Amino acid sequence: MQPNNEVHLPIFETFFMKDVELITTLSRQLDMPPTEATATLSALFELMGDVISNGGTVNISGLGQFDAKKKSERITVNPANGKRYLIPPKLTSVFKPASLWKIFLKKLDEQ
């Protein structure tokens, strides 16, 4: 059986949603007060941060995978004065979108 590649994502009037709009929309759809929606999102993001900061990976089906990647130290050169600087190693966040999002973005690009 072939997988269904149809994308059924809600299209909003704008492609940019502020946190207040996200919380308002979420509270309406889940029929909960905005304070409860805010607390739920805060708990989710705190949990995700704890898991990722401890070297784990958070995989949300249909959305994607969140994790941290260690960037090694490197040398950079200031083009104005030619001076070399050592940039220390650091952790950076990485998001790998789910295949659904890749299909959705591809269809948007084709329009």
N, C-alpha and C. Protein backbone atom coordinates (compact mmCIF):
# COMPACT_ATOMS: atom_id res chain seq x y z
N MET A 1 0.83 -1.18 0.00
CA MET A 1 0.00 0.00 0.00
C MET A 1 0.88 1.25 0.00
N GLN A 2 0.57 2.19 -0.86
CA GLN A 2 1.34 3.43 -0.98
C GLN A 2 0.99 4.37 0.17
N PRO A 3 2.01 5.07 0.76
CA PRO A 3 1.68 6.04 1.80
C PRO A 3 0.98 7.24 1.21
N ASN A 4 0.07 7.81 1.97
CA ASN A 4 -0.67 8.99 1.53
C ASN A 4 0.19 10.22 1.77
N ASN A 5 0.59 10.91 0.71
CA ASN A 5 1.45 12.07 0.83
C ASN A 5 0.67 13.38 0.83
N GLU A 6 -0.63 13.30 1.04
CA GLU A 6 -1.41 14.54 1.10
C GLU A 6 -1.10 15.26 2.40
N VAL A 7 -1.04 16.57 2.31
CA VAL A 7 -0.73 17.38 3.47
C VAL A 7 -1.99 18.09 3.92
N HIS A 8 -2.36 17.88 5.16
CA HIS A 8 -3.53 18.53 5.73
C HIS A 8 -3.10 19.38 6.91
N LEU A 9 -2.56 20.56 6.64
CA LEU A 9 -2.14 21.47 7.68
C LEU A 9 -2.98 22.73 7.61
N PRO A 10 -3.36 23.28 8.76
CA PRO A 10 -4.16 24.51 8.73
C PRO A 10 -3.33 25.67 8.18
N ILE A 11 -3.92 26.44 7.32
CA ILE A 11 -3.25 27.63 6.78
C ILE A 11 -3.86 28.83 7.48
N PHE A 12 -3.04 29.57 8.14
CA PHE A 12 -3.50 30.75 8.84
C PHE A 12 -3.39 31.95 7.93
N GLU A 13 -3.99 33.06 8.35
CA GLU A 13 -3.94 34.28 7.55
C GLU A 13 -2.50 34.76 7.41
N THR A 14 -1.69 34.49 8.39
CA THR A 14 -0.29 34.88 8.35
C THR A 14 0.57 33.67 8.65
N PHE A 15 1.78 33.66 8.15
CA PHE A 15 2.68 32.55 8.40
C PHE A 15 3.55 32.82 9.63
N PHE A 16 3.30 33.92 10.32
CA PHE A 16 4.03 34.26 11.54
C PHE A 16 3.04 34.37 12.68
N MET A 17 3.24 33.61 13.71
CA MET A 17 2.31 33.62 14.83
C MET A 17 3.09 33.95 16.10
N LYS A 18 2.67 35.02 16.78
CA LYS A 18 3.30 35.40 18.04
C LYS A 18 2.84 34.45 19.14
N ASP A 19 3.57 34.45 20.25
CA ASP A 19 3.23 33.53 21.33
C ASP A 19 1.83 33.77 21.88
N VAL A 20 1.39 35.01 21.94
CA VAL A 20 0.04 35.31 22.44
C VAL A 20 -1.01 34.70 21.52
N GLU A 21 -0.79 34.81 20.20
CA GLU A 21 -1.73 34.24 19.24
C GLU A 21 -1.73 32.71 19.33
N LEU A 22 -0.56 32.13 19.54
CA LEU A 22 -0.46 30.68 19.68
C LEU A 22 -1.23 30.21 20.91
N ILE A 23 -1.04 30.88 22.03
CA ILE A 23 -1.72 30.51 23.26
C ILE A 23 -3.23 30.70 23.13
N THR A 24 -3.66 31.80 22.51
CA THR A 24 -5.09 32.05 22.33
C THR A 24 -5.71 30.97 21.45
N THR A 25 -5.07 30.64 20.35
CA THR A 25 -5.58 29.61 19.43
C THR A 25 -5.61 28.25 20.12
N LEU A 26 -4.55 27.92 20.83
CA LEU A 26 -4.47 26.64 21.52
C LEU A 26 -5.55 26.54 22.60
N SER A 27 -5.75 27.61 23.35
CA SER A 27 -6.77 27.56 24.41
C SER A 27 -8.17 27.42 23.84
N ARG A 28 -8.42 28.03 22.68
CA ARG A 28 -9.74 27.89 22.04
C ARG A 28 -9.94 26.46 21.54
N GLN A 29 -8.93 25.92 20.86
CA GLN A 29 -9.07 24.58 20.28
C GLN A 29 -9.19 23.50 21.35
N LEU A 30 -8.52 23.69 22.49
CA LEU A 30 -8.57 22.68 23.55
C LEU A 30 -9.59 23.01 24.63
N ASP A 31 -10.30 24.11 24.43
CA ASP A 31 -11.34 24.55 25.36
C ASP A 31 -10.80 24.63 26.79
N MET A 32 -9.72 25.39 26.95
CA MET A 32 -9.12 25.59 28.26
C MET A 32 -8.77 27.07 28.43
N PRO A 33 -8.65 27.55 29.64
CA PRO A 33 -8.30 28.95 29.85
C PRO A 33 -6.88 29.24 29.33
N PRO A 34 -6.63 30.46 28.86
CA PRO A 34 -5.29 30.81 28.37
C PRO A 34 -4.19 30.59 29.39
N THR A 35 -4.49 30.78 30.67
CA THR A 35 -3.45 30.55 31.70
C THR A 35 -3.04 29.09 31.75
N GLU A 36 -4.01 28.20 31.55
CA GLU A 36 -3.70 26.76 31.55
C GLU A 36 -2.91 26.39 30.29
N ALA A 37 -3.26 26.98 29.16
CA ALA A 37 -2.51 26.73 27.92
C ALA A 37 -1.08 27.23 28.06
N THR A 38 -0.90 28.39 28.69
CA THR A 38 0.43 28.94 28.92
C THR A 38 1.25 28.02 29.82
N ALA A 39 0.63 27.55 30.89
CA ALA A 39 1.31 26.65 31.82
C ALA A 39 1.69 25.33 31.13
N THR A 40 0.81 24.83 30.28
CA THR A 40 1.07 23.59 29.56
C THR A 40 2.27 23.75 28.62
N LEU A 41 2.27 24.84 27.83
CA LEU A 41 3.39 25.08 26.92
C LEU A 41 4.69 25.30 27.68
N SER A 42 4.63 26.04 28.78
CA SER A 42 5.83 26.28 29.59
C SER A 42 6.39 24.97 30.12
N ALA A 43 5.52 24.10 30.61
CA ALA A 43 5.97 22.80 31.12
C ALA A 43 6.58 21.96 30.01
N LEU A 44 5.96 21.99 28.83
CA LEU A 44 6.49 21.24 27.69
C LEU A 44 7.88 21.72 27.32
N PHE A 45 8.05 23.04 27.20
CA PHE A 45 9.35 23.58 26.80
C PHE A 45 10.41 23.37 27.87
N GLU A 46 10.02 23.43 29.13
CA GLU A 46 10.97 23.16 30.22
C GLU A 46 11.42 21.71 30.19
N LEU A 47 10.48 20.81 29.98
CA LEU A 47 10.81 19.39 29.89
C LEU A 47 11.73 19.12 28.70
N MET A 48 11.40 19.72 27.55
CA MET A 48 12.24 19.54 26.36
C MET A 48 13.65 20.08 26.63
N GLY A 49 13.74 21.23 27.26
CA GLY A 49 15.04 21.81 27.58
C GLY A 49 15.86 20.92 28.49
N ASP A 50 15.21 20.34 29.51
CA ASP A 50 15.90 19.43 30.43
C ASP A 50 16.44 18.21 29.69
N VAL A 51 15.61 17.61 28.86
CA VAL A 51 16.01 16.40 28.13
C VAL A 51 17.17 16.72 27.18
N ILE A 52 17.05 17.80 26.43
CA ILE A 52 18.09 18.14 25.45
C ILE A 52 19.38 18.55 26.13
N SER A 53 19.29 19.32 27.22
CA SER A 53 20.51 19.76 27.91
C SER A 53 21.25 18.61 28.57
N ASN A 54 20.55 17.51 28.83
CA ASN A 54 21.20 16.32 29.40
C ASN A 54 21.64 15.33 28.33
N GLY A 55 21.69 15.79 27.09
CA GLY A 55 22.19 14.96 26.00
C GLY A 55 21.15 14.10 25.31
N GLY A 56 19.89 14.28 25.65
CA GLY A 56 18.83 13.48 25.05
C GLY A 56 18.29 14.10 23.78
N THR A 57 17.35 13.42 23.20
CA THR A 57 16.68 13.86 21.98
C THR A 57 15.18 13.83 22.22
N VAL A 58 14.49 14.86 21.73
CA VAL A 58 13.03 14.90 21.83
C VAL A 58 12.48 14.74 20.41
N ASN A 59 11.69 13.70 20.21
CA ASN A 59 11.10 13.43 18.91
C ASN A 59 9.59 13.54 19.04
N ILE A 60 9.01 14.53 18.35
CA ILE A 60 7.56 14.72 18.38
C ILE A 60 7.02 14.28 17.02
N SER A 61 6.24 13.22 17.04
CA SER A 61 5.72 12.65 15.81
C SER A 61 4.93 13.69 15.02
N GLY A 62 5.24 13.81 13.75
CA GLY A 62 4.56 14.76 12.88
C GLY A 62 5.17 16.15 12.89
N LEU A 63 6.04 16.44 13.85
CA LEU A 63 6.69 17.74 13.92
C LEU A 63 8.16 17.62 13.59
N GLY A 64 8.89 16.85 14.37
CA GLY A 64 10.31 16.68 14.10
C GLY A 64 11.09 16.29 15.34
N GLN A 65 12.40 16.38 15.20
CA GLN A 65 13.32 15.94 16.24
C GLN A 65 14.16 17.12 16.71
N PHE A 66 14.23 17.30 18.03
CA PHE A 66 15.02 18.35 18.64
C PHE A 66 16.17 17.71 19.40
N ASP A 67 17.38 18.21 19.20
CA ASP A 67 18.50 17.77 20.01
C ASP A 67 19.60 18.82 20.00
N ALA A 68 20.68 18.54 20.70
CA ALA A 68 21.80 19.46 20.79
C ALA A 68 22.99 18.84 20.08
N LYS A 69 23.78 19.69 19.47
CA LYS A 69 24.97 19.24 18.75
C LYS A 69 26.15 20.04 19.28
N LYS A 70 27.24 19.36 19.56
CA LYS A 70 28.42 20.05 20.06
C LYS A 70 29.27 20.53 18.88
N LYS A 71 29.50 21.83 18.84
CA LYS A 71 30.39 22.40 17.84
C LYS A 71 31.79 22.46 18.44
N SER A 72 32.77 21.96 17.72
CA SER A 72 34.13 21.98 18.23
C SER A 72 34.73 23.38 18.12
N GLU A 73 35.82 23.59 18.84
CA GLU A 73 36.45 24.91 18.78
C GLU A 73 37.02 25.14 17.39
N ARG A 74 37.09 26.40 17.02
CA ARG A 74 37.59 26.73 15.69
C ARG A 74 38.26 28.10 15.73
N ILE A 75 39.02 28.37 14.70
CA ILE A 75 39.72 29.65 14.59
C ILE A 75 39.03 30.48 13.51
N THR A 76 38.80 31.75 13.83
CA THR A 76 38.21 32.66 12.86
C THR A 76 39.14 33.86 12.71
N VAL A 77 39.00 34.55 11.60
CA VAL A 77 39.85 35.70 11.32
C VAL A 77 38.97 36.93 11.14
N ASN A 78 39.33 38.00 11.84
CA ASN A 78 38.65 39.27 11.68
C ASN A 78 39.13 39.89 10.36
N PRO A 79 38.24 40.08 9.39
CA PRO A 79 38.68 40.60 8.08
C PRO A 79 39.18 42.04 8.15
N ALA A 80 38.75 42.80 9.13
CA ALA A 80 39.16 44.21 9.22
C ALA A 80 40.63 44.35 9.62
N ASN A 81 41.09 43.53 10.59
CA ASN A 81 42.47 43.67 11.04
C ASN A 81 43.32 42.43 10.84
N GLY A 82 42.74 41.36 10.35
CA GLY A 82 43.48 40.13 10.08
C GLY A 82 43.84 39.34 11.33
N LYS A 83 43.34 39.75 12.47
CA LYS A 83 43.63 39.09 13.73
C LYS A 83 42.85 37.78 13.83
N ARG A 84 43.52 36.74 14.35
CA ARG A 84 42.90 35.43 14.50
C ARG A 84 42.36 35.27 15.92
N TYR A 85 41.17 34.64 16.01
CA TYR A 85 40.53 34.42 17.30
C TYR A 85 40.13 32.96 17.43
N LEU A 86 40.28 32.43 18.64
CA LEU A 86 39.86 31.07 18.92
C LEU A 86 38.44 31.13 19.49
N ILE A 87 37.52 30.46 18.82
CA ILE A 87 36.14 30.38 19.28
C ILE A 87 36.00 29.07 20.05
N PRO A 88 35.60 29.14 21.33
CA PRO A 88 35.53 27.92 22.15
C PRO A 88 34.39 27.00 21.70
N PRO A 89 34.48 25.72 22.10
CA PRO A 89 33.39 24.79 21.75
C PRO A 89 32.10 25.19 22.45
N LYS A 90 30.97 24.85 21.81
CA LYS A 90 29.68 25.18 22.42
C LYS A 90 28.62 24.21 21.92
N LEU A 91 27.52 24.16 22.67
CA LEU A 91 26.36 23.37 22.26
C LEU A 91 25.41 24.26 21.48
N THR A 92 24.86 23.73 20.43
CA THR A 92 23.88 24.46 19.63
C THR A 92 22.66 23.57 19.41
N SER A 93 21.51 24.19 19.28
CA SER A 93 20.29 23.41 19.10
C SER A 93 20.13 23.00 17.64
N VAL A 94 19.55 21.85 17.46
CA VAL A 94 19.34 21.29 16.12
C VAL A 94 17.89 20.83 16.02
N PHE A 95 17.24 21.17 14.93
CA PHE A 95 15.88 20.70 14.66
C PHE A 95 15.85 20.04 13.31
N LYS A 96 15.37 18.82 13.27
CA LYS A 96 15.20 18.08 12.02
C LYS A 96 13.70 17.90 11.81
N PRO A 97 13.13 18.57 10.80
CA PRO A 97 11.68 18.47 10.60
C PRO A 97 11.26 17.08 10.14
N ALA A 98 10.04 16.72 10.51
CA ALA A 98 9.46 15.45 10.09
C ALA A 98 9.18 15.49 8.59
N SER A 99 9.03 14.34 7.99
CA SER A 99 8.82 14.27 6.55
C SER A 99 7.55 15.00 6.12
N LEU A 100 6.55 15.06 7.01
CA LEU A 100 5.32 15.79 6.70
C LEU A 100 5.62 17.25 6.42
N TRP A 101 6.48 17.85 7.23
CA TRP A 101 6.83 19.27 7.04
C TRP A 101 7.64 19.47 5.76
N LYS A 102 8.50 18.51 5.44
CA LYS A 102 9.28 18.61 4.21
C LYS A 102 8.36 18.58 2.98
N ILE A 103 7.35 17.71 3.03
CA ILE A 103 6.38 17.62 1.93
C ILE A 103 5.58 18.92 1.84
N PHE A 104 5.15 19.42 3.00
CA PHE A 104 4.38 20.67 3.04
C PHE A 104 5.20 21.83 2.45
N LEU A 105 6.46 21.95 2.84
CA LEU A 105 7.30 23.03 2.33
C LEU A 105 7.57 22.89 0.84
N LYS A 106 7.72 21.65 0.39
CA LYS A 106 7.93 21.41 -1.03
C LYS A 106 6.72 21.85 -1.84
N LYS A 107 5.50 21.54 -1.32
CA LYS A 107 4.28 21.95 -2.02
C LYS A 107 4.13 23.47 -2.02
N LEU A 108 4.53 24.13 -0.93
CA LEU A 108 4.48 25.59 -0.89
C LEU A 108 5.44 26.19 -1.92
N ASP A 109 6.61 25.56 -2.04
CA ASP A 109 7.62 26.06 -2.97
C ASP A 109 7.17 25.90 -4.43
N GLU A 110 6.36 24.89 -4.69
CA GLU A 110 5.88 24.65 -6.06
C GLU A 110 4.78 25.61 -6.48
N GLN A 111 4.12 26.25 -5.52
CA GLN A 111 3.00 27.14 -5.85
C GLN A 111 3.48 28.46 -6.42
